[in-house]
N, C-alpha and C. Protein backbone atom coordinates (compact mmCIF):
# COMPACT_ATOMS: atom_id res chain seq x y z
N MET A 1 0.70 -1.19 0.10
CA MET A 1 -0.13 -0.35 -0.39
C MET A 1 0.95 1.15 0.30
N SER A 2 0.24 2.17 -0.91
CA SER A 2 1.75 3.43 -0.95
C SER A 2 0.97 4.05 -0.02
N GLN A 3 1.99 5.38 0.01
CA GLN A 3 1.77 6.20 1.20
C GLN A 3 1.43 7.27 0.85
N SER A 4 0.26 7.96 1.48
CA SER A 4 -0.94 9.65 1.50
C SER A 4 0.66 10.72 1.45
N PRO A 5 1.13 11.21 0.19
CA PRO A 5 1.33 12.61 0.27
C PRO A 5 1.41 13.25 1.43
N CYS A 6 -0.02 13.46 2.41
CA CYS A 6 -0.38 14.37 3.15
C CYS A 6 -0.58 13.26 4.01
N PRO A 7 0.03 13.46 5.68
CA PRO A 7 -0.47 12.09 6.60
C PRO A 7 -1.70 12.72 7.29
N SER A 8 -2.37 13.32 6.86
CA SER A 8 -3.35 13.89 7.43
C SER A 8 -4.80 13.69 6.78
N HIS A 9 -4.42 13.29 5.54
CA HIS A 9 -5.82 13.19 4.37
C HIS A 9 -6.53 12.40 4.94
N LEU A 10 -6.41 11.19 5.76
CA LEU A 10 -7.70 10.14 5.99
C LEU A 10 -7.45 10.80 7.55
N THR A 11 -7.29 11.08 8.42
CA THR A 11 -7.38 11.23 9.65
C THR A 11 -7.95 12.66 10.38
N HIS A 12 -8.04 13.46 9.52
CA HIS A 12 -8.28 14.81 9.60
C HIS A 12 -9.32 15.20 10.08
N PRO A 13 -9.14 15.59 11.29
CA PRO A 13 -10.71 15.64 11.94
C PRO A 13 -11.68 16.65 11.38
N PHE A 14 -12.50 16.66 10.65
CA PHE A 14 -13.29 17.68 9.23
C PHE A 14 -14.21 17.87 10.30
N THR A 15 -14.50 19.75 10.18
CA THR A 15 -15.35 20.54 10.99
C THR A 15 -16.71 20.43 9.40
N PHE A 16 -16.21 20.17 8.82
CA PHE A 16 -17.41 20.10 7.52
C PHE A 16 -17.33 18.73 6.83
N SER A 17 -18.40 17.99 7.32
CA SER A 17 -18.20 16.63 6.88
C SER A 17 -18.57 16.29 5.43
N GLU A 18 -19.39 17.48 4.80
CA GLU A 18 -19.56 17.16 3.24
C GLU A 18 -18.13 17.28 2.71
N LEU A 19 -17.01 17.93 3.16
CA LEU A 19 -15.72 18.07 2.56
C LEU A 19 -14.93 16.62 2.93
N SER A 20 -15.25 16.10 3.60
CA SER A 20 -14.43 14.76 3.81
C SER A 20 -14.52 13.59 2.27
N PRO A 21 -13.00 13.07 2.10
CA PRO A 21 -12.54 12.11 1.24
C PRO A 21 -13.84 11.04 0.76
N GLY A 22 -13.81 11.00 -0.34
CA GLY A 22 -15.13 9.88 -0.69
C GLY A 22 -16.57 10.27 -0.79
N THR A 23 -16.57 11.79 -0.02
CA THR A 23 -18.40 12.19 0.05
C THR A 23 -19.05 12.67 -1.22
N GLY A 24 -17.96 12.53 -2.54
CA GLY A 24 -18.05 13.36 -3.08
C GLY A 24 -18.04 14.68 -3.52
N SER A 25 -18.60 15.26 -4.06
CA SER A 25 -18.22 17.04 -4.50
C SER A 25 -19.59 17.83 -4.89
N ASN A 26 -19.45 18.86 -4.77
CA ASN A 26 -20.20 19.80 -5.49
C ASN A 26 -20.12 20.14 -6.57
N GLN A 27 -20.14 19.72 -7.86
CA GLN A 27 -20.08 19.76 -8.83
C GLN A 27 -20.72 20.71 -9.20
N GLN A 28 -20.79 21.97 -10.06
CA GLN A 28 -21.98 23.01 -10.68
C GLN A 28 -21.84 22.68 -12.15
N PRO A 29 -23.30 22.12 -12.39
CA PRO A 29 -23.70 21.81 -13.92
C PRO A 29 -23.48 22.78 -15.14
N TYR A 30 -22.72 22.87 -15.19
CA TYR A 30 -21.97 23.68 -16.69
C TYR A 30 -20.34 23.58 -16.90
N PHE A 31 -20.34 23.81 -18.07
CA PHE A 31 -19.02 23.85 -18.48
C PHE A 31 -18.40 25.03 -18.02
N ARG A 32 -17.21 25.46 -17.70
CA ARG A 32 -16.42 26.70 -17.67
C ARG A 32 -15.06 27.07 -18.08
N ALA A 33 -15.04 27.87 -19.17
CA ALA A 33 -13.98 27.97 -20.07
C ALA A 33 -13.15 29.34 -19.23
N LEU A 34 -11.94 29.50 -18.95
CA LEU A 34 -11.18 30.82 -18.79
C LEU A 34 -9.94 31.01 -19.42
N VAL A 35 -10.06 32.33 -20.40
CA VAL A 35 -8.78 32.73 -21.37
C VAL A 35 -7.95 34.00 -20.91
N PHE A 36 -7.00 33.50 -20.18
CA PHE A 36 -6.01 34.78 -20.12
C PHE A 36 -5.35 34.92 -21.27
N PHE A 37 -4.96 36.52 -20.76
CA PHE A 37 -4.64 37.28 -22.03
C PHE A 37 -3.94 38.58 -21.27
N THR A 38 -2.55 39.64 -21.99
CA THR A 38 -2.49 40.65 -21.41
C THR A 38 -2.34 41.47 -22.57
N LYS A 39 -2.49 42.65 -21.83
CA LYS A 39 -2.56 44.00 -22.78
C LYS A 39 -1.54 43.74 -23.71
N LYS A 40 -1.59 44.68 -25.36
CA LYS A 40 -0.74 44.90 -25.93
C LYS A 40 0.54 45.61 -25.22
N PRO A 41 1.63 45.85 -25.85
CA PRO A 41 2.57 46.93 -25.53
C PRO A 41 2.31 47.63 -25.65
N GLY A 42 2.34 48.98 -25.25
CA GLY A 42 2.03 50.53 -25.25
C GLY A 42 0.92 50.93 -25.12
N LEU A 43 -0.12 50.30 -24.53
CA LEU A 43 -1.52 50.91 -24.59
C LEU A 43 -1.50 50.86 -23.08
N THR A 44 -2.13 52.02 -22.62
CA THR A 44 -2.34 52.39 -21.31
C THR A 44 -3.13 51.23 -20.41
N ASP A 45 -3.54 51.13 -19.36
CA ASP A 45 -3.97 50.37 -18.49
C ASP A 45 -5.52 50.80 -18.90
N ASP A 46 -6.07 52.09 -18.50
CA ASP A 46 -7.49 52.83 -19.09
C ASP A 46 -7.60 52.37 -20.24
N PHE A 47 -6.73 52.31 -21.32
CA PHE A 47 -7.90 52.14 -22.36
C PHE A 47 -8.12 50.74 -22.58
N PHE A 48 -6.77 50.20 -22.18
CA PHE A 48 -7.11 48.22 -21.99
C PHE A 48 -8.98 47.72 -21.39
N HIS A 49 -8.43 48.38 -20.19
CA HIS A 49 -9.56 47.92 -19.55
C HIS A 49 -11.03 48.49 -20.30
N GLU A 50 -10.74 49.76 -20.32
CA GLU A 50 -12.04 50.86 -20.63
C GLU A 50 -12.46 49.52 -22.33
N HIS A 51 -11.71 49.94 -22.87
CA HIS A 51 -11.85 49.04 -24.65
C HIS A 51 -12.71 47.77 -24.51
N TRP A 52 -11.90 47.25 -23.24
CA TRP A 52 -12.85 45.64 -23.24
C TRP A 52 -13.58 45.61 -22.87
N LYS A 53 -14.19 46.26 -21.71
CA LYS A 53 -15.51 46.10 -21.22
C LYS A 53 -16.16 46.54 -21.72
N SER A 54 -16.40 47.54 -22.86
CA SER A 54 -16.99 48.56 -23.83
C SER A 54 -17.55 47.96 -25.19
N VAL A 55 -16.46 48.72 -26.07
CA VAL A 55 -16.14 47.92 -26.69
C VAL A 55 -16.08 46.31 -27.80
N HIS A 56 -15.81 45.90 -27.06
CA HIS A 56 -15.08 44.46 -26.87
C HIS A 56 -16.27 43.72 -26.62
N ALA A 57 -16.64 43.69 -25.47
CA ALA A 57 -17.63 43.33 -24.83
C ALA A 57 -19.00 43.42 -25.67
N ASP A 58 -19.36 44.05 -26.25
CA ASP A 58 -20.08 44.30 -26.84
C ASP A 58 -20.18 43.65 -28.46
N LEU A 59 -19.43 43.60 -28.92
CA LEU A 59 -18.76 43.05 -30.18
C LEU A 59 -19.18 41.51 -29.50
N ALA A 60 -18.48 41.40 -28.33
CA ALA A 60 -18.38 39.47 -28.52
C ALA A 60 -19.88 38.83 -28.47
N ILE A 61 -20.49 39.92 -27.31
CA ILE A 61 -22.03 39.18 -26.80
C ILE A 61 -22.95 39.42 -27.63
N SER A 62 -22.85 40.06 -29.40
CA SER A 62 -23.69 40.40 -30.46
C SER A 62 -23.45 39.38 -31.46
N ILE A 63 -22.36 38.30 -31.00
CA ILE A 63 -22.31 37.12 -32.29
C ILE A 63 -23.73 36.58 -32.45
N LYS A 64 -23.30 35.92 -33.23
CA LYS A 64 -24.61 34.98 -33.51
C LYS A 64 -24.53 34.09 -32.90
N GLY A 65 -25.55 33.82 -31.78
CA GLY A 65 -25.74 32.27 -30.80
C GLY A 65 -25.10 32.30 -29.74
N ALA A 66 -24.75 33.87 -29.59
CA ALA A 66 -23.86 33.79 -27.79
C ALA A 66 -24.62 33.58 -27.17
N SER A 67 -25.80 33.99 -27.45
CA SER A 67 -27.58 33.70 -26.17
C SER A 67 -27.93 32.36 -26.25
N VAL A 68 -27.32 31.39 -27.13
CA VAL A 68 -27.87 30.48 -26.89
C VAL A 68 -26.99 29.59 -26.43
N ASN A 69 -25.31 29.56 -27.01
CA ASN A 69 -24.58 28.99 -27.18
C ASN A 69 -23.92 29.08 -24.66
N LEU A 70 -24.19 30.53 -25.06
CA LEU A 70 -23.68 31.16 -23.21
C LEU A 70 -24.48 30.66 -22.80
N VAL A 71 -24.49 30.65 -21.05
CA VAL A 71 -25.37 30.80 -19.97
C VAL A 71 -24.41 32.14 -19.37
N ARG A 72 -23.05 32.46 -19.45
CA ARG A 72 -22.68 33.64 -18.81
C ARG A 72 -21.01 33.96 -19.48
N TYR A 73 -20.90 35.02 -19.41
CA TYR A 73 -19.90 35.90 -19.82
C TYR A 73 -19.21 37.08 -18.87
N VAL A 74 -18.42 36.76 -17.90
CA VAL A 74 -17.20 37.27 -17.16
C VAL A 74 -16.35 37.95 -17.48
N GLN A 75 -15.94 39.13 -17.16
CA GLN A 75 -14.80 39.92 -17.76
C GLN A 75 -13.90 40.19 -16.22
N PHE A 76 -13.00 39.48 -16.22
CA PHE A 76 -11.60 39.67 -14.72
C PHE A 76 -10.95 40.64 -15.13
N HIS A 77 -10.72 41.44 -14.66
CA HIS A 77 -9.94 42.68 -14.85
C HIS A 77 -8.80 42.40 -13.71
N HIS A 78 -7.46 42.26 -14.47
CA HIS A 78 -6.71 42.59 -13.53
C HIS A 78 -5.87 43.71 -13.18
N ASP A 79 -6.12 44.87 -12.68
CA ASP A 79 -5.39 46.60 -12.96
C ASP A 79 -4.45 46.49 -11.84
N ALA A 80 -4.14 47.74 -12.42
CA ALA A 80 -2.53 48.02 -11.91
C ALA A 80 -3.17 48.63 -10.02
N ARG A 81 -4.32 48.72 -9.80
CA ARG A 81 -4.85 49.01 -8.33
C ARG A 81 -4.67 47.89 -7.43
N HIS A 82 -5.38 46.86 -7.99
CA HIS A 82 -5.54 45.81 -7.18
C HIS A 82 -4.44 44.66 -7.73
N LYS A 83 -3.55 45.21 -8.06
CA LYS A 83 -2.10 44.25 -8.33
C LYS A 83 -1.56 45.16 -7.13
N GLU A 84 -1.43 46.30 -7.04
CA GLU A 84 -0.66 46.87 -5.86
C GLU A 84 -1.37 46.28 -4.39
N MET A 85 -2.73 46.57 -4.45
CA MET A 85 -3.08 45.48 -2.83
C MET A 85 -2.69 44.09 -2.38
N LEU A 86 -1.76 43.75 -3.74
CA LEU A 86 -1.63 42.12 -3.11
C LEU A 86 0.00 42.25 -3.19
N ALA A 87 0.78 43.48 -2.91
CA ALA A 87 1.82 43.56 -2.77
C ALA A 87 2.27 42.84 -1.06
N PRO A 88 1.69 42.93 -0.08
CA PRO A 88 2.16 42.06 0.95
C PRO A 88 2.45 40.86 0.77
N LEU A 89 1.88 40.00 -0.20
CA LEU A 89 1.52 38.78 -0.28
C LEU A 89 2.84 38.12 -1.09
N LEU A 90 2.91 39.02 -1.85
CA LEU A 90 4.53 38.88 -2.62
C LEU A 90 5.69 38.36 -2.22
N GLY A 91 6.91 37.56 -2.71
CA GLY A 91 7.77 36.75 -2.23
C GLY A 91 7.45 35.93 -0.73
N GLN A 92 6.60 35.56 -0.44
CA GLN A 92 6.39 34.67 0.27
C GLN A 92 5.52 33.38 -0.80
N GLY A 93 5.74 32.66 -1.31
CA GLY A 93 6.21 31.42 -2.12
C GLY A 93 4.79 32.58 -3.06
N MET A 94 4.41 33.60 -3.99
CA MET A 94 3.08 33.92 -4.68
C MET A 94 3.69 34.95 -5.58
N ALA A 95 3.15 34.81 -6.66
CA ALA A 95 3.97 35.88 -7.30
C ALA A 95 2.68 36.25 -8.33
N LEU A 96 2.35 37.80 -8.82
CA LEU A 96 1.28 38.04 -9.41
C LEU A 96 1.17 36.97 -10.94
N ALA A 97 0.13 36.58 -11.27
CA ALA A 97 -0.04 36.34 -12.20
C ALA A 97 0.06 37.32 -13.48
N PRO A 98 0.80 36.59 -14.63
CA PRO A 98 1.39 37.62 -15.60
C PRO A 98 0.04 37.93 -16.77
N TYR A 99 -0.86 38.02 -16.13
CA TYR A 99 -1.95 38.57 -17.04
C TYR A 99 -2.47 39.80 -16.72
N ASP A 100 -3.21 40.64 -17.76
CA ASP A 100 -4.00 41.73 -17.80
C ASP A 100 -5.96 41.51 -17.50
N GLY A 101 -5.95 39.78 -18.10
CA GLY A 101 -7.78 40.31 -18.18
C GLY A 101 -7.82 38.89 -18.03
N CYS A 102 -8.45 38.16 -17.75
CA CYS A 102 -8.98 36.93 -18.00
C CYS A 102 -10.75 36.95 -18.63
N ALA A 103 -11.19 35.94 -19.28
CA ALA A 103 -12.71 36.02 -19.92
C ALA A 103 -12.86 34.94 -19.49
N GLU A 104 -13.80 34.85 -18.67
CA GLU A 104 -14.76 33.70 -17.73
C GLU A 104 -16.09 33.30 -18.41
N PHE A 105 -15.99 31.76 -19.16
CA PHE A 105 -16.97 31.85 -20.39
C PHE A 105 -18.05 30.44 -19.02
N HIS A 106 -19.33 30.43 -19.40
CA HIS A 106 -20.29 29.39 -18.67
C HIS A 106 -20.92 28.83 -19.96
N ALA A 107 -20.76 27.80 -20.42
CA ALA A 107 -21.90 27.02 -21.06
C ALA A 107 -22.48 25.85 -20.61
N LYS A 108 -23.85 25.00 -21.36
CA LYS A 108 -24.40 24.05 -20.65
C LYS A 108 -23.56 23.23 -20.70
N ASP A 109 -22.55 23.03 -21.93
CA ASP A 109 -21.39 21.97 -22.41
C ASP A 109 -20.61 22.45 -23.55
N ALA A 110 -19.36 21.75 -23.39
CA ALA A 110 -18.21 22.08 -24.12
C ALA A 110 -18.99 22.40 -25.31
N GLU A 111 -19.30 21.43 -25.86
CA GLU A 111 -20.08 22.14 -27.22
C GLU A 111 -20.58 23.45 -27.68
N GLY A 112 -21.34 23.50 -26.64
CA GLY A 112 -21.79 25.24 -26.96
C GLY A 112 -20.53 26.01 -26.87
N PHE A 113 -19.38 25.83 -25.35
CA PHE A 113 -18.87 26.73 -25.85
C PHE A 113 -17.98 27.04 -26.93
N LEU A 114 -17.90 25.59 -27.96
CA LEU A 114 -16.57 25.33 -28.87
C LEU A 114 -17.79 26.15 -30.08
N ARG A 115 -19.07 25.88 -30.13
CA ARG A 115 -19.44 26.71 -31.35
C ARG A 115 -19.39 28.42 -31.01
N PHE A 116 -19.82 28.56 -30.19
CA PHE A 116 -19.52 30.21 -29.98
C PHE A 116 -18.14 30.65 -30.14
N MET A 117 -17.12 29.52 -29.89
CA MET A 117 -16.00 30.28 -30.18
C MET A 117 -15.12 30.32 -31.60
N VAL A 118 -16.05 29.03 -32.35
CA VAL A 118 -16.40 29.21 -34.14
C VAL A 118 -16.79 30.21 -34.67
N ASP A 119 -18.15 30.46 -33.69
CA ASP A 119 -18.42 32.01 -34.29
C ASP A 119 -17.45 33.29 -33.70
N VAL A 120 -17.00 33.08 -32.72
CA VAL A 120 -15.92 34.44 -32.85
C VAL A 120 -15.18 34.67 -33.54
N HIS A 121 -14.30 33.71 -34.03
CA HIS A 121 -13.24 33.51 -34.98
C HIS A 121 -14.20 33.74 -36.60
N ALA A 122 -14.60 33.49 -36.14
CA ALA A 122 -15.38 33.70 -37.45
C ALA A 122 -16.08 34.94 -38.01
N ALA A 123 -15.98 35.82 -37.20
CA ALA A 123 -16.28 37.20 -36.74
C ALA A 123 -15.43 38.44 -37.27
N LYS A 124 -14.62 38.76 -37.86
CA LYS A 124 -13.37 39.59 -38.94
C LYS A 124 -13.65 40.71 -37.42
N GLU A 125 -15.41 41.28 -37.16
CA GLU A 125 -14.70 42.78 -36.38
C GLU A 125 -14.38 42.15 -35.29
N LEU A 126 -14.45 41.34 -34.73
CA LEU A 126 -14.20 40.95 -33.43
C LEU A 126 -12.87 40.53 -33.17
N VAL A 127 -12.34 39.60 -34.34
CA VAL A 127 -11.27 38.83 -34.09
C VAL A 127 -9.80 40.81 -34.63
N GLY A 128 -10.70 41.19 -35.57
CA GLY A 128 -9.39 42.71 -35.25
C GLY A 128 -9.71 43.27 -34.06
N CYS A 129 -10.83 43.57 -33.27
CA CYS A 129 -10.84 44.38 -32.23
C CYS A 129 -10.00 43.63 -31.26
N GLY A 130 -9.71 42.07 -31.34
CA GLY A 130 -9.05 41.82 -30.31
C GLY A 130 -7.44 42.26 -30.33
N SER A 131 -7.02 41.95 -31.96
CA SER A 131 -5.88 42.13 -32.28
C SER A 131 -5.08 43.35 -32.18
N ARG A 132 -6.54 44.35 -32.03
CA ARG A 132 -5.59 45.99 -31.26
C ARG A 132 -5.32 46.00 -29.97
N PHE A 133 -5.69 45.03 -29.31
CA PHE A 133 -5.27 45.11 -28.07
C PHE A 133 -5.07 44.24 -26.96
N ILE A 134 -5.30 42.92 -27.43
CA ILE A 134 -4.18 41.89 -26.53
C ILE A 134 -2.87 41.52 -27.38
N ASP A 135 -1.84 41.08 -26.60
CA ASP A 135 -0.75 41.01 -27.20
C ASP A 135 -0.56 39.21 -27.64
N GLU A 136 -0.87 39.60 -28.93
CA GLU A 136 -0.52 38.25 -30.16
C GLU A 136 0.51 37.68 -29.66
N VAL A 137 1.82 38.67 -29.33
CA VAL A 137 2.92 37.50 -28.85
C VAL A 137 3.23 36.53 -27.90
N LYS A 138 2.45 36.95 -26.91
CA LYS A 138 2.20 36.34 -25.46
C LYS A 138 1.60 35.20 -25.72
N GLY A 139 0.17 35.78 -26.55
CA GLY A 139 -0.84 34.64 -26.76
C GLY A 139 -1.55 34.79 -25.95
N MET A 140 -2.60 34.01 -26.09
CA MET A 140 -4.11 33.86 -24.90
C MET A 140 -3.53 32.22 -24.24
N HIS A 141 -4.27 32.23 -23.02
CA HIS A 141 -3.63 30.68 -22.20
C HIS A 141 -4.97 30.60 -21.93
N ILE A 142 -5.55 28.70 -22.32
CA ILE A 142 -6.58 28.73 -22.05
C ILE A 142 -7.30 27.65 -21.14
N MET A 143 -8.12 27.60 -19.96
CA MET A 143 -8.46 26.52 -18.87
C MET A 143 -9.88 26.08 -19.12
N ALA A 144 -10.09 24.90 -18.99
CA ALA A 144 -11.89 24.64 -18.96
C ALA A 144 -11.67 23.27 -17.98
N GLY A 145 -13.16 23.15 -17.52
CA GLY A 145 -13.40 22.25 -16.36
C GLY A 145 -14.86 23.06 -15.43
N TYR A 146 -14.87 22.19 -14.11
CA TYR A 146 -15.91 22.46 -13.61
C TYR A 146 -15.97 23.10 -12.29
N ASP A 147 -16.55 23.71 -12.00
CA ASP A 147 -16.45 24.46 -10.87
C ASP A 147 -16.84 23.73 -9.58
N ASN A 148 -16.40 23.14 -8.40
CA ASN A 148 -16.99 22.66 -7.53
C ASN A 148 -17.14 23.46 -6.25
N LEU A 149 -18.07 23.98 -6.01
CA LEU A 149 -18.48 24.94 -5.06
C LEU A 149 -18.56 24.59 -3.91
N ILE A 150 -18.01 25.39 -2.76
CA ILE A 150 -16.96 24.81 -1.74
C ILE A 150 -18.12 25.84 -0.66
N PHE A 151 -17.72 27.37 -1.00
CA PHE A 151 -18.20 28.16 0.49
C PHE A 151 -19.30 29.29 -0.93
N GLY A 152 -20.39 29.73 -0.46
CA GLY A 152 -21.16 30.65 -1.40
C GLY A 152 -22.23 30.50 -2.01
N GLY A 153 -22.92 30.84 -2.46
CA GLY A 153 -24.73 30.53 -3.05
C GLY A 153 -24.46 30.01 -4.78
N LYS A 154 -24.80 29.35 -5.52
CA LYS A 154 -24.66 29.23 -6.32
C LYS A 154 -25.43 30.40 -7.52
N ILE A 155 -25.31 29.81 -8.35
CA ILE A 155 -25.80 31.34 -9.51
C ILE A 155 -26.68 30.58 -10.43
N GLY A 156 -28.09 31.54 -9.67
CA GLY A 156 -28.65 31.62 -9.87
C GLY A 156 -29.50 30.50 -10.93
N THR A 157 -29.22 30.90 -11.87
CA THR A 157 -29.74 30.52 -13.40
C THR A 157 -28.69 29.21 -13.54
N SER A 158 -27.64 28.88 -12.97
CA SER A 158 -26.68 27.08 -13.37
C SER A 158 -27.51 26.02 -12.62
N GLY A 159 -28.97 26.25 -11.99
CA GLY A 159 -28.95 24.59 -11.46
C GLY A 159 -28.70 23.65 -10.45
N GLY A 160 -27.16 24.94 -10.01
CA GLY A 160 -26.63 23.79 -9.18
C GLY A 160 -26.88 24.32 -7.89
N SER A 161 -26.12 23.80 -7.00
CA SER A 161 -26.19 23.33 -5.50
C SER A 161 -25.60 24.64 -5.07
N ASP A 162 -25.77 25.27 -3.80
CA ASP A 162 -25.41 26.31 -2.46
C ASP A 162 -24.07 25.14 -2.34
N GLY A 163 -22.90 26.62 -1.83
CA GLY A 163 -21.83 25.77 -1.04
C GLY A 163 -22.18 26.01 0.15
N LEU A 164 -20.82 25.85 1.27
CA LEU A 164 -21.53 25.71 2.58
C LEU A 164 -21.97 27.43 2.69
N LEU A 165 -22.73 27.91 3.56
CA LEU A 165 -22.91 29.35 3.78
C LEU A 165 -22.75 30.06 4.86
N GLY A 166 -22.61 31.57 5.07
CA GLY A 166 -22.09 31.94 6.35
C GLY A 166 -22.85 31.94 7.33
N GLY A 167 -24.17 31.19 7.03
CA GLY A 167 -24.99 31.55 8.51
C GLY A 167 -24.80 30.29 9.27
N ASP A 168 -23.99 28.71 8.32
CA ASP A 168 -23.56 27.87 9.35
C ASP A 168 -22.85 28.04 10.79
N ARG A 169 -23.46 26.85 11.50
CA ARG A 169 -23.23 27.42 13.12
C ARG A 169 -21.88 26.81 13.26
N ARG A 170 -21.24 25.81 11.95
CA ARG A 170 -19.81 25.56 12.61
C ARG A 170 -18.65 26.37 12.22
N PHE A 171 -19.40 27.39 11.19
CA PHE A 171 -18.14 28.41 11.28
C PHE A 171 -17.39 29.21 12.63
N GLY A 172 -18.66 29.04 13.62
CA GLY A 172 -17.88 29.47 15.03
C GLY A 172 -18.17 30.68 15.51
N ASN A 173 -18.65 31.64 14.37
CA ASN A 173 -18.68 33.13 14.35
C ASN A 173 -20.06 33.27 14.18
N VAL A 174 -20.88 32.72 14.36
CA VAL A 174 -22.90 32.64 14.26
C VAL A 174 -22.82 32.18 15.44
N LYS A 175 -23.98 33.18 15.75
CA LYS A 175 -24.98 33.08 17.22
C LYS A 175 -26.34 32.90 17.00
């Protein structure tokens, strides 16, 4: 029998028994894709973030079939102000992610997301817009998978299940 890399893996006294090994997960019922990228050299942060959340967002959501193939589209803006707030964590085993933004897409399934991306690449206005504000030399990086919701409420339109909620007495700070 091989030894676990974590000695407390099977002996940890769980506060939240639903998180113990073998109890399953709270996998949410949608496909999630994250696309990470950096701004084109020479652009100001202000222009990059304003353009992405206005012109580019409008072009993206206007794509034929966007409202059919997507369930949710969120932009995550990694701006200078928030990077500065993280300064106390840097050098303690953490470094800033080398991106300025992340586009988050939820779809009912991988096929819906792929259909949306085919439509994105067919839209010359959208691709042309992206090439003017995203660093194409560094390229974009993508991750896809599922959310295992641990803490917080489900997304109302997802059909998923809530995670642990703040009012749970097991947190110890609830009266």
